[in-house]
């Protein structure tokens, strides 16, 4: 009698088992072939392996050693996405690897060639037309055009580097092997481009790495093998004459995607901006600067009418030529400042609507005429430098921005007029401060020790005294006094 107990199960026939296995594989996502490129998350890390979700119901296993850095630290963790190649499929065991490395001989290389599995190779030398590459203890050749996406103008830079290569020629049982790194890079770029297009749109802000610098800007890599252009005008809110002034190769930056299209050959063209990825500095000007502030800035460029000074990143103000000096009249800005100079300026006006800030160099340095009356009191004797000579007098500079006029009409009052007549520009002269008009910025000077003026003063005082003593008198008395004075002079 047959046993019909609940624990007894009928086993499928051999043919039925094969059919069930095939159906199970179909349900689990389809077949996986050697050479397939798989991108998926790490779902487990064991002592020696990484388990990777292949996108099917079959998980893949990769050697953990492939993901250790130079110090032996694991470079990935659970949840990280990795891109690997299927190097073997045995039943439901899928072996994954970054590339064929180290092990195997000609047959392993043939299998890699036939299945499109990358191989790891070291560039050992450069020679005419390309490079010698060592792969799995065999020598292969990589044409110079296949070592990178861009033209290689310094072949020696690749010597000693270890890359992944695709085998594009395998002949005479491995005696003639040609490899290409560019083929893998192009494949990577196409995949990066597709992922970028699916996930990023104009207006998005993304991380990037500066990869190249050109005359009109810089290229930044936004995804492996995929570059975008940052025009010179979009590198920084600050004015940059050269891309090197704003960024460096290898620098990590944040960029805003401005536009995406293709050139005539169908290659992607991505426009990027570093400055638009950040805040507009003019948005904070209102709280950062106020009229009357003294600030330090850098002269960035000159114009006929003045100099532009950057007082904060991306914030430029104008010093008009009329605001450059209290000391002298300025004909052109280059007489006072040069690009690159660091100057202290005063904020005169802020127009947020027009994004304009008026600056003053002379107000920041102070008006020397404000203290002239205290520094040079009327009647004081001072020394200065002859600045100019004209028919109507001599201009003498007493301090920076303070110049007085010694009128020619006063020179005859000097004790030795010839001393002043001989003065040349640059000579030192002693003068007396006679008059000051601070509002008009004018000062009148007199020669020191004017003898004629002294005699006149003595004569006036003498006459005044005699008139007070003798209320009445005539010409005889006046004549007597004159003769007496002349006699004293002759003695």
Protein backbone atom coordinates (compact mmCIF):
# COMPACT_ATOMS: atom_id res chain seq x y z
CA UNK A 1 0.00 0.00 0.00
CA UNK A 2 1.28 3.37 -0.92
CA UNK A 3 2.24 5.71 1.86
CA UNK A 4 0.08 8.80 1.62
CA UNK A 5 1.36 10.47 4.80
CA UNK A 6 1.64 14.28 4.70
CA UNK A 7 5.48 14.20 4.99
CA UNK A 8 5.90 12.35 1.71
CA UNK A 9 6.55 14.52 -1.42
CA UNK A 10 6.95 13.40 -4.99
CA UNK A 11 10.29 14.45 -6.56
CA UNK A 12 10.09 15.89 -10.09
CA UNK A 13 11.58 13.93 -12.92
CA UNK A 14 14.96 15.00 -14.32
CA UNK A 15 13.39 16.76 -17.31
CA UNK A 16 10.89 18.50 -15.14
CA UNK A 17 13.67 19.71 -12.82
CA UNK A 18 15.56 21.30 -15.72
CA UNK A 19 12.40 23.06 -16.86
CA UNK A 20 11.73 24.34 -13.37
CA UNK A 21 15.33 25.60 -13.10
CA UNK A 22 15.03 27.43 -16.40
CA UNK A 23 11.72 29.01 -15.32
CA UNK A 24 13.29 30.01 -12.03
CA UNK A 25 16.15 31.74 -13.80
CA UNK A 26 13.69 33.58 -16.05
CA UNK A 27 11.78 34.76 -13.01
CA UNK A 28 15.02 35.95 -11.42
CA UNK A 29 15.75 38.45 -14.18
CA UNK A 30 17.03 36.52 -17.14
CA UNK A 31 20.44 35.14 -18.08
CA UNK A 32 23.81 36.60 -17.19
CA UNK A 33 26.70 36.14 -19.59
CA UNK A 34 30.44 36.33 -19.19
CA UNK A 35 31.58 39.82 -20.21
CA UNK A 36 28.42 41.60 -19.06
CA UNK A 37 29.02 44.90 -17.31
CA UNK A 38 27.03 45.05 -14.09
CA UNK A 39 26.28 48.10 -11.95
CA UNK A 40 24.62 47.49 -8.63
CA UNK A 41 24.78 48.03 -4.86
CA UNK A 42 26.89 46.04 -2.44
CA UNK A 43 24.39 44.02 -0.39
CA UNK A 44 26.84 42.20 1.90
CA UNK A 45 30.50 42.21 2.88
CA UNK A 46 32.09 38.99 4.14
CA UNK A 47 35.61 38.25 5.30
CA UNK A 48 36.87 37.64 1.76
CA UNK A 49 34.12 38.70 -0.65
CA UNK A 50 31.61 41.35 -1.62
CA UNK A 51 28.09 40.29 -2.59
CA UNK A 52 26.62 42.54 -5.28
CA UNK A 53 23.05 42.89 -6.55
CA UNK A 54 23.36 42.26 -10.30
CA UNK A 55 19.89 43.56 -11.13
CA UNK A 56 18.65 40.00 -11.55
CA UNK A 57 17.70 37.30 -9.06
CA UNK A 58 21.28 36.04 -9.18
CA UNK A 59 23.68 37.88 -6.91
CA UNK A 60 27.31 38.26 -7.89
CA UNK A 61 30.41 37.73 -5.79
CA UNK A 62 33.61 39.76 -6.10
CA UNK A 63 36.97 39.36 -4.41
CA UNK A 64 37.18 41.78 -1.46
CA UNK A 65 40.90 42.33 -2.15
CA UNK A 66 40.01 44.30 -5.29
CA UNK A 67 38.44 47.00 -3.10
CA UNK A 68 41.24 47.57 -0.61
CA UNK A 69 43.38 50.71 -0.75
CA UNK A 70 47.15 50.91 -0.25
CA UNK A 71 46.74 50.77 3.51
CA UNK A 72 44.47 47.73 3.38
CA UNK A 73 41.27 49.66 4.13
CA UNK A 74 38.05 48.73 2.36
CA UNK A 75 36.98 51.50 -0.03
CA UNK A 76 33.29 50.52 -0.29
CA UNK A 77 30.56 49.60 2.15
CA UNK A 78 27.09 48.10 2.05
CA UNK A 79 24.79 50.20 -0.11
CA UNK A 80 27.55 51.65 -2.31
CA UNK A 81 27.16 51.12 -6.05
CA UNK A 82 29.95 49.37 -7.91
CA UNK A 83 30.50 48.60 -11.59
CA UNK A 84 32.01 45.19 -12.32
CA UNK A 85 32.34 42.63 -15.12
CA UNK A 86 31.02 39.07 -15.16
CA UNK A 87 34.13 36.92 -15.43
CA UNK A 88 32.47 33.52 -14.98
CA UNK A 89 29.05 31.89 -14.53
CA UNK A 90 28.86 28.41 -13.03
CA UNK A 91 25.30 27.32 -12.29
CA UNK A 92 23.89 30.00 -10.06
CA UNK A 93 27.33 31.32 -9.03
CA UNK A 94 28.28 34.58 -10.73
CA UNK A 95 31.90 35.77 -10.33
CA UNK A 96 32.48 39.48 -10.73
CA UNK A 97 35.67 41.51 -11.08
CA UNK A 98 36.87 44.99 -11.94
CA UNK A 99 39.06 43.41 -14.61
CA UNK A 100 41.04 40.32 -15.42
CA UNK A 101 44.19 40.58 -13.33
CA UNK A 102 47.26 38.52 -12.57
CA UNK A 103 46.02 35.01 -13.07
CA UNK A 104 45.66 32.96 -16.23
CA UNK A 105 47.57 32.73 -19.47
CA UNK A 106 46.80 33.00 -23.16
CA UNK A 107 43.46 31.22 -22.80
CA UNK A 108 42.32 33.63 -20.10
CA UNK A 109 43.25 36.56 -22.35
CA UNK A 110 41.47 34.98 -25.30
CA UNK A 111 38.36 34.59 -23.14
CA UNK A 112 38.65 38.24 -22.08
CA UNK A 113 39.01 39.27 -25.74
CA UNK A 114 36.03 37.21 -26.89
CA UNK A 115 33.77 38.25 -24.01
CA UNK A 116 34.80 41.91 -23.77
CA UNK A 117 36.23 41.58 -20.25
CA UNK A 118 38.68 44.39 -19.38
CA UNK A 119 42.19 43.46 -18.35
CA UNK A 120 44.41 45.28 -15.92
CA UNK A 121 47.73 46.41 -17.35
CA UNK A 122 50.73 48.53 -16.43
CA UNK A 123 52.25 50.96 -18.93
CA UNK A 124 55.93 50.03 -18.81
CA UNK A 125 57.36 52.16 -21.64
CA UNK A 126 56.52 54.60 -24.38
CA UNK A 127 57.72 54.05 -27.92
CA UNK A 128 57.03 55.31 -31.40
CA UNK A 129 53.30 55.30 -32.00
CA UNK A 130 52.24 54.08 -28.58
CA UNK A 131 53.07 52.25 -25.37
CA UNK A 132 54.23 48.86 -24.15
CA UNK A 133 51.72 47.46 -21.64
CA UNK A 134 52.19 44.43 -19.41
CA UNK A 135 48.99 42.38 -18.91
CA UNK A 136 48.89 39.00 -17.14
CA UNK A 137 52.67 38.66 -17.52
CA UNK A 138 52.47 39.27 -21.28
CA UNK A 139 53.48 42.26 -23.38
CA UNK A 140 50.78 44.13 -25.30
CA UNK A 141 50.77 47.31 -27.39
CA UNK A 142 48.51 50.34 -26.90
CA UNK A 143 48.45 52.92 -29.75
CA UNK A 144 48.97 56.47 -28.52
CA UNK A 145 45.49 57.40 -29.76
CA UNK A 146 43.98 54.70 -27.54
CA UNK A 147 45.56 55.64 -24.21
CA UNK A 148 43.08 58.44 -23.41
CA UNK A 149 40.02 60.29 -24.69
CA UNK A 150 42.00 63.47 -25.35
CA UNK A 151 45.21 63.88 -27.34
CA UNK A 152 48.28 62.96 -25.29
CA UNK A 153 51.00 65.60 -25.62
CA UNK A 154 53.11 64.14 -22.77
CA UNK A 155 53.37 60.35 -23.28
CA UNK A 156 55.79 59.93 -20.38
CA UNK A 157 53.02 60.94 -17.97
CA UNK A 158 51.38 57.54 -18.59
CA UNK A 159 54.50 55.44 -18.05
CA UNK A 160 54.30 53.60 -14.72
CA UNK A 161 50.51 53.96 -14.50
CA UNK A 162 48.18 50.98 -14.10
CA UNK A 163 44.95 51.16 -16.09
CA UNK A 164 42.15 48.92 -17.30
CA UNK A 165 42.27 48.06 -20.99
CA UNK A 166 40.04 46.38 -23.55
CA UNK A 167 41.73 43.82 -25.78
CA UNK A 168 40.97 44.85 -29.36
CA UNK A 169 43.36 42.46 -31.14
CA UNK A 170 44.38 38.95 -30.06
CA UNK A 171 46.43 37.00 -32.65
CA UNK A 172 48.95 34.18 -32.87
CA UNK A 173 47.98 32.66 -29.53
CA UNK A 174 48.71 35.86 -27.65
CA UNK A 175 51.91 36.85 -29.41
CA UNK A 176 50.19 39.90 -30.93
CA UNK A 177 47.95 41.72 -28.46
CA UNK A 178 46.66 45.24 -28.96
CA UNK A 179 44.76 46.99 -26.18
CA UNK A 180 42.75 50.17 -25.82
CA UNK A 181 42.03 52.22 -22.73
CA UNK A 182 40.04 54.73 -24.74
CA UNK A 183 37.38 52.15 -25.63
CA UNK A 184 36.56 51.64 -21.97
CA UNK A 185 36.63 55.38 -21.26
CA UNK A 186 34.24 56.05 -24.13
CA UNK A 187 31.90 53.34 -22.87
CA UNK A 188 32.08 54.86 -19.39
CA UNK A 189 31.44 58.34 -20.79
CA UNK A 190 28.36 57.20 -22.71
CA UNK A 191 26.95 55.52 -19.61
CA UNK A 192 27.76 58.59 -17.50
CA UNK A 193 26.08 60.82 -20.07
CA UNK A 194 22.92 58.71 -20.03
CA UNK A 195 22.77 58.70 -16.23
CA UNK A 196 23.46 62.45 -16.16
CA UNK A 197 20.67 63.18 -18.64
CA UNK A 198 18.25 61.03 -16.66
CA UNK A 199 18.96 62.66 -13.32
CA UNK A 200 20.13 66.24 -14.02
CA UNK A 201 18.37 69.16 -15.72
CA UNK A 202 19.37 72.79 -16.45
CA UNK A 203 19.20 74.75 -13.23
CA UNK A 204 20.41 71.88 -11.05
CA UNK A 205 23.47 72.33 -8.84
CA UNK A 206 25.93 69.42 -8.89
CA UNK A 207 29.47 68.64 -7.70
CA UNK A 208 32.30 68.62 -10.24
CA UNK A 209 36.08 68.46 -10.49
CA UNK A 210 38.14 70.87 -12.61
CA UNK A 211 39.78 68.72 -15.28
CA UNK A 212 41.25 71.16 -17.81
CA UNK A 213 42.05 74.86 -18.10
CA UNK A 214 41.80 76.68 -21.44
CA UNK A 215 42.12 80.29 -22.59
CA UNK A 216 38.36 80.92 -22.43
CA UNK A 217 37.61 79.11 -19.17
CA UNK A 218 37.85 75.68 -17.59
CA UNK A 219 36.37 72.23 -18.13
CA UNK A 220 34.96 70.32 -15.15
CA UNK A 221 34.05 66.65 -14.95
CA UNK A 222 30.45 66.26 -13.74
CA UNK A 223 30.44 62.48 -14.14
CA UNK A 224 33.14 59.93 -15.07
CA UNK A 225 34.36 60.88 -18.55
CA UNK A 226 31.72 63.62 -18.97
CA UNK A 227 32.91 67.24 -18.98
CA UNK A 228 31.17 70.61 -19.06
CA UNK A 229 32.57 74.07 -19.82
CA UNK A 230 32.73 76.86 -17.27
CA UNK A 231 33.25 80.06 -19.25
CA UNK A 232 35.73 82.59 -17.89
CA UNK A 233 32.86 84.93 -17.01
CA UNK A 234 31.17 82.17 -14.97
CA UNK A 235 34.17 81.09 -12.90
CA UNK A 236 33.70 83.59 -10.09
CA UNK A 237 31.74 86.63 -8.98
CA UNK A 238 35.16 88.31 -8.81
CA UNK A 239 36.61 89.42 -12.12
CA UNK A 240 39.12 86.81 -13.40
CA UNK A 241 41.54 87.73 -16.19
CA UNK A 242 42.72 84.10 -16.44
CA UNK A 243 41.08 80.85 -15.42
CA UNK A 244 44.13 80.05 -13.29
CA UNK A 245 43.24 83.05 -11.11
CA UNK A 246 39.97 81.38 -10.09
CA UNK A 247 40.43 77.58 -10.17
CA UNK A 248 43.08 74.87 -10.28
CA UNK A 249 43.14 71.46 -12.01
CA UNK A 250 41.86 68.81 -9.65
CA UNK A 251 39.91 71.30 -7.53
CA UNK A 252 36.50 70.13 -6.33
CA UNK A 253 33.84 72.73 -7.14
CA UNK A 254 30.07 73.12 -7.05
CA UNK A 255 28.50 74.12 -10.37
CA UNK A 256 25.11 75.06 -11.74
CA UNK A 257 24.05 73.41 -15.02
CA UNK A 258 23.14 76.25 -17.39
CA UNK A 259 22.42 74.37 -20.61
CA UNK A 260 22.81 71.01 -22.32
CA UNK A 261 22.94 70.35 -26.07
CA UNK A 262 25.05 68.56 -28.67
CA UNK A 263 27.55 69.63 -31.29
CA UNK A 264 27.39 68.72 -35.00
CA UNK A 265 28.99 65.35 -34.27
CA UNK A 266 26.43 64.54 -31.62
CA UNK A 267 28.82 64.99 -28.73
CA UNK A 268 27.35 66.48 -25.55
CA UNK A 269 27.96 70.14 -24.73
CA UNK A 270 27.27 71.16 -21.15
CA UNK A 271 27.49 74.77 -19.95
CA UNK A 272 28.28 75.22 -16.27
CA UNK A 273 28.67 78.08 -13.81
CA UNK A 274 30.50 78.22 -10.50
CA UNK A 275 29.37 81.72 -9.57
CA UNK A 276 25.67 81.02 -10.17
CA UNK A 277 25.89 77.95 -7.95
CA UNK A 278 26.42 80.29 -4.99
CA UNK A 279 24.65 83.33 -3.62
CA UNK A 280 24.81 86.67 -5.44
CA UNK A 281 27.16 88.83 -3.31
CA UNK A 282 25.11 91.95 -4.15
CA UNK A 283 22.24 90.49 -2.13
CA UNK A 284 24.22 91.15 1.06
CA UNK A 285 25.65 94.57 0.19
CA UNK A 286 22.91 96.46 2.03
CA UNK A 287 23.92 95.02 5.37
CA UNK A 288 27.62 94.80 4.65
CA UNK A 289 28.45 98.39 3.65
CA UNK A 290 27.09 101.82 4.56
CA UNK A 291 27.92 105.31 3.32
CA UNK A 292 30.91 106.68 5.19
CA UNK A 293 32.56 103.30 5.81
CA UNK A 294 36.29 103.04 5.28
CA UNK A 295 37.16 99.73 3.62
CA UNK A 296 40.18 98.08 2.06
CA UNK A 297 40.03 96.86 -1.52
CA UNK A 298 42.06 95.75 -4.51
CA UNK A 299 42.31 97.77 -7.72
CA UNK A 300 41.10 95.39 -10.45
CA UNK A 301 41.01 97.59 -13.55
CA UNK A 302 41.41 101.16 -14.77
CA UNK A 303 39.25 103.30 -17.04
CA UNK A 304 39.74 106.82 -18.40
CA UNK A 305 37.35 108.17 -15.77
CA UNK A 306 38.58 106.26 -12.73
CA UNK A 307 39.56 102.98 -11.10
CA UNK A 308 37.43 99.98 -10.15
CA UNK A 309 38.17 98.49 -6.75
CA UNK A 310 36.94 95.13 -5.46
CA UNK A 311 35.95 95.69 -1.82
CA UNK A 312 34.47 92.18 -1.37
CA UNK A 313 34.34 89.06 -3.58
CA UNK A 314 32.24 90.06 -6.59
CA UNK A 315 31.61 93.60 -5.30
CA UNK A 316 33.34 96.39 -7.22
CA UNK A 317 33.13 100.13 -6.65
CA UNK A 318 34.40 103.08 -8.69
CA UNK A 319 36.86 105.75 -7.61
CA UNK A 320 36.24 108.65 -9.97
CA UNK A 321 39.36 110.66 -10.90
CA UNK A 322 37.90 113.62 -9.03
CA UNK A 323 37.92 111.51 -5.85
CA UNK A 324 41.52 110.40 -6.05
CA UNK A 325 43.46 113.21 -4.40
CA UNK A 326 43.16 116.32 -2.27
CA UNK A 327 46.77 117.02 -3.07
CA UNK A 328 46.74 117.52 -6.83
CA UNK A 329 44.60 117.46 -9.93
CA UNK A 330 44.62 113.95 -11.42
CA UNK A 331 44.72 113.68 -15.21
CA UNK A 332 44.49 109.89 -15.41
CA UNK A 333 43.97 107.15 -12.80
CA UNK A 334 47.30 105.46 -13.55
CA UNK A 335 49.03 108.51 -12.04
CA UNK A 336 47.77 107.36 -8.64
CA UNK A 337 46.96 103.61 -8.69
CA UNK A 338 47.70 100.45 -10.68
CA UNK A 339 45.82 97.14 -11.04
CA UNK A 340 46.70 94.94 -8.08
CA UNK A 341 47.22 97.81 -5.63
CA UNK A 342 45.54 97.45 -2.24
CA UNK A 343 43.98 100.76 -1.19
CA UNK A 344 41.81 102.16 1.61
CA UNK A 345 38.71 103.93 0.34
CA UNK A 346 35.64 105.62 1.75
CA UNK A 347 32.13 104.59 0.62
CA UNK A 348 30.42 107.70 -0.80
CA UNK A 349 27.25 106.27 -2.30
CA UNK A 350 25.46 102.91 -2.80
CA UNK A 351 22.90 102.30 -5.56
CA UNK A 352 21.63 98.74 -5.18
CA UNK A 353 19.26 99.05 -8.14
CA UNK A 354 22.07 99.85 -10.54
CA UNK A 355 24.63 97.77 -8.64
CA UNK A 356 26.94 100.72 -8.25
CA UNK A 357 29.11 101.86 -5.37
CA UNK A 358 30.92 105.21 -5.45
CA UNK A 359 34.23 105.26 -3.60
CA UNK A 360 36.64 108.02 -2.59
CA UNK A 361 40.36 107.69 -2.10
CA UNK A 362 40.88 111.27 -0.97
CA UNK A 363 38.17 111.18 1.72
CA UNK A 364 39.67 108.03 3.20
CA UNK A 365 43.08 109.70 3.47
CA UNK A 366 41.62 112.88 5.06
CA UNK A 367 41.57 116.54 3.94
CA UNK A 368 44.90 118.19 4.86
CA UNK A 369 43.31 121.68 4.71
CA UNK A 370 41.06 120.96 7.70
CA UNK A 371 43.99 121.45 10.10
CA UNK A 372 45.95 124.10 8.17
CA UNK A 373 45.02 127.00 10.50
CA UNK A 374 46.33 125.05 13.51
CA UNK A 375 49.35 123.57 11.76
CA UNK A 376 50.44 126.80 10.07
CA UNK A 377 49.27 129.78 12.20
CA UNK A 378 49.28 133.23 10.59
CA UNK A 379 52.60 134.95 11.26
CA UNK A 380 54.54 131.69 11.73
CA UNK A 381 57.77 131.11 9.84
CA UNK A 382 57.84 127.77 8.00
CA UNK A 383 59.95 125.94 5.43
CA UNK A 384 58.69 124.38 2.21
CA UNK A 385 59.71 123.11 -1.19
CA UNK A 386 59.42 125.26 -4.28
CA UNK A 387 56.77 123.54 -6.37
CA UNK A 388 56.40 125.97 -9.27
CA UNK A 389 57.41 129.45 -10.44
CA UNK A 390 55.24 131.86 -12.37
CA UNK A 391 55.58 135.54 -13.27
CA UNK A 392 53.11 136.41 -10.53
CA UNK A 393 54.91 134.48 -7.79
CA UNK A 394 56.39 131.30 -6.34
CA UNK A 395 54.35 128.30 -5.20
CA UNK A 396 55.78 126.68 -2.06
CA UNK A 397 54.58 123.28 -0.84
CA UNK A 398 54.45 123.20 2.96
CA UNK A 399 52.90 119.70 3.42
CA UNK A 400 51.23 117.04 1.25
CA UNK A 401 48.29 118.81 -0.35
CA UNK A 402 49.09 122.21 1.20
CA UNK A 403 50.71 124.78 -1.11
CA UNK A 404 50.94 128.54 -0.62
CA UNK A 405 51.76 131.44 -2.96
CA UNK A 406 54.58 133.89 -2.36
CA UNK A 407 53.46 136.78 -4.61
CA UNK A 408 56.10 138.47 -6.75
CA UNK A 409 54.89 141.82 -5.39
CA UNK A 410 56.14 140.82 -1.93
CA UNK A 411 59.62 139.82 -3.02
CA UNK A 412 60.85 143.43 -3.04
CA UNK A 413 60.10 143.55 0.68
CA UNK A 414 62.67 140.82 1.37
CA UNK A 415 65.88 141.66 3.16
CA UNK A 416 67.71 139.94 0.31
CA UNK A 417 65.35 139.75 -2.67
CA UNK A 418 68.02 138.02 -4.75
CA UNK A 419 67.81 134.93 -2.53
CA UNK A 420 64.18 134.39 -3.55
CA UNK A 421 64.81 135.34 -7.17
CA UNK A 422 67.37 132.52 -7.43
CA UNK A 423 65.03 129.82 -6.09
CA UNK A 424 64.45 126.87 -8.42
CA UNK A 425 61.84 124.10 -8.36
CA UNK A 426 62.83 121.64 -5.65
CA UNK A 427 64.73 124.19 -3.54
CA UNK A 428 63.88 124.73 0.13
CA UNK A 429 62.51 128.17 1.01
CA UNK A 430 61.66 129.84 4.34
CA UNK A 431 58.47 131.89 4.29
CA UNK A 432 56.01 133.58 6.64
CA UNK A 433 52.31 132.63 6.62
CA UNK A 434 50.39 135.86 5.89
CA UNK A 435 46.84 134.81 5.00
CA UNK A 436 44.76 131.59 4.98
CA UNK A 437 41.46 130.95 3.20
CA UNK A 438 40.52 127.39 4.15
CA UNK A 439 37.29 127.38 2.14
CA UNK A 440 39.08 128.33 -1.08
CA UNK A 441 42.19 126.31 -0.12
CA UNK A 442 44.44 129.31 -0.58
CA UNK A 443 47.41 130.53 1.45
CA UNK A 444 49.42 133.73 0.95
CA UNK A 445 53.06 133.77 2.01
CA UNK A 446 55.63 136.51 2.64
CA UNK A 447 59.44 136.49 2.58
CA UNK A 448 61.22 136.12 5.90
CA UNK A 449 62.90 139.23 7.48
CA UNK A 450 61.54 141.80 5.05
CA UNK A 451 63.79 144.86 5.98
CA UNK A 452 61.81 147.42 4.08
CA UNK A 453 58.66 146.28 5.80
CA UNK A 454 60.44 146.58 9.15
CA UNK A 455 61.62 150.14 8.37
CA UNK A 456 58.17 151.17 7.28
CA UNK A 457 56.70 149.76 10.48
CA UNK A 458 59.33 151.64 12.55
CA UNK A 459 58.66 154.86 10.62
CA UNK A 460 54.91 154.54 11.10
CA UNK A 461 55.30 153.92 14.83
CA UNK A 462 57.74 156.90 15.12
CA UNK A 463 55.42 159.29 13.31
CA UNK A 464 52.46 158.12 15.36
CA UNK A 465 54.46 158.76 18.57
CA UNK A 466 55.64 162.22 17.53
CA UNK A 467 52.19 163.27 16.46
CA UNK A 468 50.86 162.26 19.85
CA UNK A 469 53.57 164.33 21.62
CA UNK A 470 53.23 167.44 19.38
CA UNK A 471 49.64 168.00 18.32
CA UNK A 472 50.66 170.85 16.06
CA UNK A 473 53.61 170.93 13.75
CA UNK A 474 54.61 171.73 10.22
CA UNK A 475 56.78 170.65 7.41
CA UNK A 476 59.94 171.76 9.20
CA UNK A 477 59.39 169.28 12.00
CA UNK A 478 58.66 166.52 9.51
CA UNK A 479 61.79 167.43 7.55
CA UNK A 480 63.92 167.37 10.64
CA UNK A 481 62.76 163.94 11.57
CA UNK A 482 63.36 162.65 8.06
CA UNK A 483 66.91 164.04 7.99
CA UNK A 484 67.63 162.47 11.38
CA UNK A 485 66.42 159.06 10.20
CA UNK A 486 68.52 159.24 6.99
CA UNK A 487 71.60 160.21 8.99
CA UNK A 488 71.19 157.17 11.24
CA UNK A 489 70.92 154.93 8.22
CA UNK A 490 74.17 156.27 6.70
CA UNK A 491 76.03 155.56 9.90
